[in-house]
């Protein structure tokens, strides 16, 4: 098995990062799905805002 980097990227939500052991694994696609009203769009906004803040 090839050695893969497990660098993590914050989801932008501290509690979610804790649950998923530090954030999303860099370079992977992680689909987010669920019924309407479960917070998928809000999660996306947090993720984008957090990434945007780190670049400043």
PDB file of N, CA and C in Angstrom:
ATOM      1  N   UNK A   1       0.842  -1.182   0.000  1.00  0.00           N
ATOM      2  CA  UNK A   1       0.000   0.000   0.000  1.00  0.00           C
ATOM      3  C   UNK A   1       0.885   1.242   0.000  1.00  0.00           C
ATOM      4  N   UNK A   2       0.551   2.192  -0.831  1.00  0.00           N
ATOM      5  CA  UNK A   2       1.334   3.425  -0.929  1.00  0.00           C
ATOM      6  C   UNK A   2       1.130   4.278   0.317  1.00  0.00           C
ATOM      7  N   UNK A   3       2.191   4.961   0.724  1.00  0.00           N
ATOM      8  CA  UNK A   3       2.119   5.849   1.874  1.00  0.00           C
ATOM      9  C   UNK A   3       1.455   7.142   1.447  1.00  0.00           C
ATOM     10  N   UNK A   4       0.317   7.460   2.034  1.00  0.00           N
ATOM     11  CA  UNK A   4      -0.404   8.685   1.692  1.00  0.00           C
ATOM     12  C   UNK A   4      -0.289   9.684   2.826  1.00  0.00           C
ATOM     13  N   UNK A   5      -0.202  10.938   2.454  1.00  0.00           N
ATOM     14  CA  UNK A   5      -0.187  12.005   3.450  1.00  0.00           C
ATOM     15  C   UNK A   5      -1.591  12.141   4.031  1.00  0.00           C
ATOM     16  N   UNK A   6      -1.664  12.294   5.323  1.00  0.00           N
ATOM     17  CA  UNK A   6      -2.963  12.496   5.960  1.00  0.00           C
ATOM     18  C   UNK A   6      -3.064  13.902   6.531  1.00  0.00           C
ATOM     19  N   UNK A   7      -2.521  14.869   5.784  1.00  0.00           N
ATOM     20  CA  UNK A   7      -2.667  16.261   6.198  1.00  0.00           C
ATOM     21  C   UNK A   7      -4.149  16.599   6.203  1.00  0.00           C
ATOM     22  N   UNK A   8      -4.554  17.352   7.192  1.00  0.00           N
ATOM     23  CA  UNK A   8      -5.966  17.685   7.366  1.00  0.00           C
ATOM     24  C   UNK A   8      -6.243  19.138   7.037  1.00  0.00           C
ATOM     25  N   UNK A   9      -7.456  19.391   6.540  1.00  0.00           N
ATOM     26  CA  UNK A   9      -7.941  20.729   6.231  1.00  0.00           C
ATOM     27  C   UNK A   9      -9.178  20.958   7.090  1.00  0.00           C
ATOM     28  N   UNK A  10      -9.189  22.038   7.833  1.00  0.00           N
ATOM     29  CA  UNK A  10     -10.315  22.331   8.716  1.00  0.00           C
ATOM     30  C   UNK A  10     -11.620  22.442   7.937  1.00  0.00           C
ATOM     31  N   UNK A  11     -12.673  21.926   8.534  1.00  0.00           N
ATOM     32  CA  UNK A  11     -14.009  22.045   7.932  1.00  0.00           C
ATOM     33  C   UNK A  11     -14.577  23.440   8.156  1.00  0.00           C
ATOM     34  N   UNK A  12     -13.975  24.184   9.077  1.00  0.00           N
ATOM     35  CA  UNK A  12     -14.496  25.490   9.450  1.00  0.00           C
ATOM     36  C   UNK A  12     -15.433  25.416  10.640  1.00  0.00           C
ATOM     37  N   UNK A  13     -15.681  24.188  11.125  1.00  0.00           N
ATOM     38  CA  UNK A  13     -16.564  23.969  12.275  1.00  0.00           C
ATOM     39  C   UNK A  13     -15.776  23.154  13.294  1.00  0.00           C
ATOM     40  N   UNK A  14     -15.430  23.770  14.425  1.00  0.00           N
ATOM     41  CA  UNK A  14     -14.578  23.113  15.419  1.00  0.00           C
ATOM     42  C   UNK A  14     -15.116  21.760  15.868  1.00  0.00           C
ATOM     43  N   UNK A  15     -16.402  21.680  16.152  1.00  0.00           N
ATOM     44  CA  UNK A  15     -16.991  20.429  16.618  1.00  0.00           C
ATOM     45  C   UNK A  15     -16.906  19.325  15.574  1.00  0.00           C
ATOM     46  N   UNK A  16     -17.121  19.673  14.316  1.00  0.00           N
ATOM     47  CA  UNK A  16     -17.015  18.679  13.239  1.00  0.00           C
ATOM     48  C   UNK A  16     -15.570  18.230  13.084  1.00  0.00           C
ATOM     49  N   UNK A  17     -14.632  19.168  13.159  1.00  0.00           N
ATOM     50  CA  UNK A  17     -13.214  18.801  13.060  1.00  0.00           C
ATOM     51  C   UNK A  17     -12.841  17.800  14.152  1.00  0.00           C
ATOM     52  N   UNK A  18     -13.385  17.995  15.328  1.00  0.00           N
ATOM     53  CA  UNK A  18     -13.105  17.061  16.422  1.00  0.00           C
ATOM     54  C   UNK A  18     -13.648  15.660  16.098  1.00  0.00           C
ATOM     55  N   UNK A  19     -14.849  15.599  15.562  1.00  0.00           N
ATOM     56  CA  UNK A  19     -15.472  14.314  15.228  1.00  0.00           C
ATOM     57  C   UNK A  19     -14.705  13.597  14.112  1.00  0.00           C
ATOM     58  N   UNK A  20     -14.250  14.352  13.115  1.00  0.00           N
ATOM     59  CA  UNK A  20     -13.556  13.722  11.972  1.00  0.00           C
ATOM     60  C   UNK A  20     -12.038  13.792  12.118  1.00  0.00           C
ATOM     61  N   UNK A  21     -11.589  13.857  13.373  1.00  0.00           N
ATOM     62  CA  UNK A  21     -10.176  13.742  13.731  1.00  0.00           C
ATOM     63  C   UNK A  21      -9.286  14.820  13.122  1.00  0.00           C
ATOM     64  N   UNK A  22      -9.748  16.049  13.164  1.00  0.00           N
ATOM     65  CA  UNK A  22      -8.898  17.159  12.762  1.00  0.00           C
ATOM     66  C   UNK A  22      -9.268  17.842  11.470  1.00  0.00           C
ATOM     67  N   UNK A  23     -10.261  17.366  10.761  1.00  0.00           N
ATOM     68  CA  UNK A  23     -10.679  17.995   9.518  1.00  0.00           C
ATOM     69  C   UNK A  23     -10.706  17.006   8.372  1.00  0.00           C
ATOM     70  N   UNK A  24     -11.025  17.523   7.203  1.00  0.00           N
ATOM     71  CA  UNK A  24     -11.060  16.697   5.996  1.00  0.00           C
ATOM     72  C   UNK A  24      -9.638  16.347   5.588  1.00  0.00           C
ATOM     73  N   UNK A  25      -9.437  15.176   5.001  1.00  0.00           N
ATOM     74  CA  UNK A  25      -8.118  14.778   4.523  1.00  0.00           C
ATOM     75  C   UNK A  25      -7.831  15.531   3.229  1.00  0.00           C
ATOM     76  N   UNK A  26      -6.702  16.230   3.225  1.00  0.00           N
ATOM     77  CA  UNK A  26      -6.330  17.058   2.078  1.00  0.00           C
ATOM     78  C   UNK A  26      -6.220  16.200   0.816  1.00  0.00           C
ATOM     79  N   UNK A  27      -6.786  16.708  -0.283  1.00  0.00           N
ATOM     80  CA  UNK A  27      -6.702  16.036  -1.569  1.00  0.00           C
ATOM     81  C   UNK A  27      -7.806  15.024  -1.840  1.00  0.00           C
ATOM     82  N   UNK A  28      -8.673  14.812  -0.882  1.00  0.00           N
ATOM     83  CA  UNK A  28      -9.790  13.878  -1.061  1.00  0.00           C
ATOM     84  C   UNK A  28     -11.083  14.643  -1.299  1.00  0.00           C
ATOM     85  N   UNK A  29     -11.989  14.011  -1.989  1.00  0.00           N
ATOM     86  CA  UNK A  29     -13.337  14.553  -2.153  1.00  0.00           C
ATOM     87  C   UNK A  29     -14.238  13.862  -1.153  1.00  0.00           C
ATOM     88  N   UNK A  30     -14.902  14.631  -0.333  1.00  0.00           N
ATOM     89  CA  UNK A  30     -15.810  14.082   0.668  1.00  0.00           C
ATOM     90  C   UNK A  30     -17.210  14.596   0.406  1.00  0.00           C
ATOM     91  N   UNK A  31     -18.080  13.758  -0.158  1.00  0.00           N
ATOM     92  CA  UNK A  31     -19.453  14.213  -0.411  1.00  0.00           C
ATOM     93  C   UNK A  31     -20.191  14.470   0.900  1.00  0.00           C
ATOM     94  N   UNK A  32     -20.973  15.510   0.905  1.00  0.00           N
ATOM     95  CA  UNK A  32     -21.805  15.840   2.058  1.00  0.00           C
ATOM     96  C   UNK A  32     -23.243  15.735   1.584  1.00  0.00           C
ATOM     97  N   UNK A  33     -23.999  14.858   2.213  1.00  0.00           N
ATOM     98  CA  UNK A  33     -25.374  14.663   1.758  1.00  0.00           C
ATOM     99  C   UNK A  33     -26.308  14.564   2.943  1.00  0.00           C
ATOM    100  N   UNK A  34     -27.562  14.801   2.678  1.00  0.00           N
ATOM    101  CA  UNK A  34     -28.588  14.724   3.709  1.00  0.00           C
ATOM    102  C   UNK A  34     -29.848  15.400   3.211  1.00  0.00           C
ATOM    103  N   UNK A  35     -30.913  15.233   3.938  1.00  0.00           N
ATOM    104  CA  UNK A  35     -32.178  15.852   3.532  1.00  0.00           C
ATOM    105  C   UNK A  35     -32.134  17.372   3.693  1.00  0.00           C
ATOM    106  N   UNK A  36     -33.096  18.054   3.089  1.00  0.00           N
ATOM    107  CA  UNK A  36     -33.155  19.513   3.218  1.00  0.00           C
ATOM    108  C   UNK A  36     -33.199  19.951   4.682  1.00  0.00           C
ATOM    109  N   UNK A  37     -32.469  21.021   4.961  1.00  0.00           N
ATOM    110  CA  UNK A  37     -32.508  21.598   6.306  1.00  0.00           C
ATOM    111  C   UNK A  37     -31.511  21.019   7.289  1.00  0.00           C
ATOM    112  N   UNK A  38     -30.592  20.155   6.823  1.00  0.00           N
ATOM    113  CA  UNK A  38     -29.647  19.537   7.751  1.00  0.00           C
ATOM    114  C   UNK A  38     -28.337  20.300   7.891  1.00  0.00           C
ATOM    115  N   UNK A  39     -28.139  21.367   7.114  1.00  0.00           N
ATOM    116  CA  UNK A  39     -26.970  22.212   7.287  1.00  0.00           C
ATOM    117  C   UNK A  39     -25.864  22.041   6.257  1.00  0.00           C
ATOM    118  N   UNK A  40     -26.159  21.410   5.132  1.00  0.00           N
ATOM    119  CA  UNK A  40     -25.135  21.200   4.107  1.00  0.00           C
ATOM    120  C   UNK A  40     -24.605  22.527   3.563  1.00  0.00           C
ATOM    121  N   UNK A  41     -25.473  23.444   3.252  1.00  0.00           N
ATOM    122  CA  UNK A  41     -25.062  24.738   2.710  1.00  0.00           C
ATOM    123  C   UNK A  41     -24.318  25.539   3.768  1.00  0.00           C
ATOM    124  N   UNK A  42     -24.794  25.511   4.999  1.00  0.00           N
ATOM    125  CA  UNK A  42     -24.126  26.222   6.091  1.00  0.00           C
ATOM    126  C   UNK A  42     -22.709  25.678   6.271  1.00  0.00           C
ATOM    127  N   UNK A  43     -22.546  24.360   6.232  1.00  0.00           N
ATOM    128  CA  UNK A  43     -21.216  23.755   6.319  1.00  0.00           C
ATOM    129  C   UNK A  43     -20.328  24.258   5.187  1.00  0.00           C
ATOM    130  N   UNK A  44     -20.863  24.308   3.976  1.00  0.00           N
ATOM    131  CA  UNK A  44     -20.095  24.808   2.841  1.00  0.00           C
ATOM    132  C   UNK A  44     -19.644  26.241   3.048  1.00  0.00           C
ATOM    133  N   UNK A  45     -20.537  27.078   3.556  1.00  0.00           N
ATOM    134  CA  UNK A  45     -20.167  28.474   3.814  1.00  0.00           C
ATOM    135  C   UNK A  45     -19.088  28.576   4.893  1.00  0.00           C
ATOM    136  N   UNK A  46     -19.201  27.786   5.952  1.00  0.00           N
ATOM    137  CA  UNK A  46     -18.173  27.788   7.002  1.00  0.00           C
ATOM    138  C   UNK A  46     -16.827  27.357   6.432  1.00  0.00           C
ATOM    139  N   UNK A  47     -16.827  26.306   5.623  1.00  0.00           N
ATOM    140  CA  UNK A  47     -15.599  25.790   5.018  1.00  0.00           C
ATOM    141  C   UNK A  47     -14.947  26.859   4.138  1.00  0.00           C
ATOM    142  N   UNK A  48     -15.735  27.497   3.280  1.00  0.00           N
ATOM    143  CA  UNK A  48     -15.195  28.529   2.388  1.00  0.00           C
ATOM    144  C   UNK A  48     -14.719  29.747   3.158  1.00  0.00           C
ATOM    145  N   UNK A  49     -15.462  30.185   4.151  1.00  0.00           N
ATOM    146  CA  UNK A  49     -15.069  31.339   4.953  1.00  0.00           C
ATOM    147  C   UNK A  49     -13.800  31.071   5.731  1.00  0.00           C
ATOM    148  N   UNK A  50     -13.696  29.879   6.320  1.00  0.00           N
ATOM    149  CA  UNK A  50     -12.504  29.522   7.088  1.00  0.00           C
ATOM    150  C   UNK A  50     -11.266  29.506   6.183  1.00  0.00           C
ATOM    151  N   UNK A  51     -11.395  28.937   5.001  1.00  0.00           N
ATOM    152  CA  UNK A  51     -10.281  28.903   4.059  1.00  0.00           C
ATOM    153  C   UNK A  51      -9.907  30.289   3.584  1.00  0.00           C
ATOM    154  N   UNK A  52     -10.896  31.124   3.383  1.00  0.00           N
ATOM    155  CA  UNK A  52     -10.655  32.497   2.946  1.00  0.00           C
ATOM    156  C   UNK A  52      -9.932  33.293   4.028  1.00  0.00           C
ATOM    157  N   UNK A  53     -10.328  33.101   5.290  1.00  0.00           N
ATOM    158  CA  UNK A  53      -9.697  33.820   6.402  1.00  0.00           C
ATOM    159  C   UNK A  53      -8.225  33.425   6.568  1.00  0.00           C
ATOM    160  N   UNK A  54      -7.886  32.168   6.284  1.00  0.00           N
ATOM    161  CA  UNK A  54      -6.506  31.700   6.440  1.00  0.00           C
ATOM    162  C   UNK A  54      -5.583  32.317   5.404  1.00  0.00           C
ATOM    163  N   UNK A  55      -6.098  32.715   4.267  1.00  0.00           N
ATOM    164  CA  UNK A  55      -5.269  33.282   3.205  1.00  0.00           C
ATOM    165  C   UNK A  55      -4.962  34.751   3.416  1.00  0.00           C
ATOM    166  N   UNK A  56      -5.619  35.386   4.365  1.00  0.00           N
ATOM    167  CA  UNK A  56      -5.412  36.831   4.611  1.00  0.00           C
ATOM    168  C   UNK A  56      -4.286  37.043   5.555  1.00  0.00           C
TER     169      UNK A  56
END
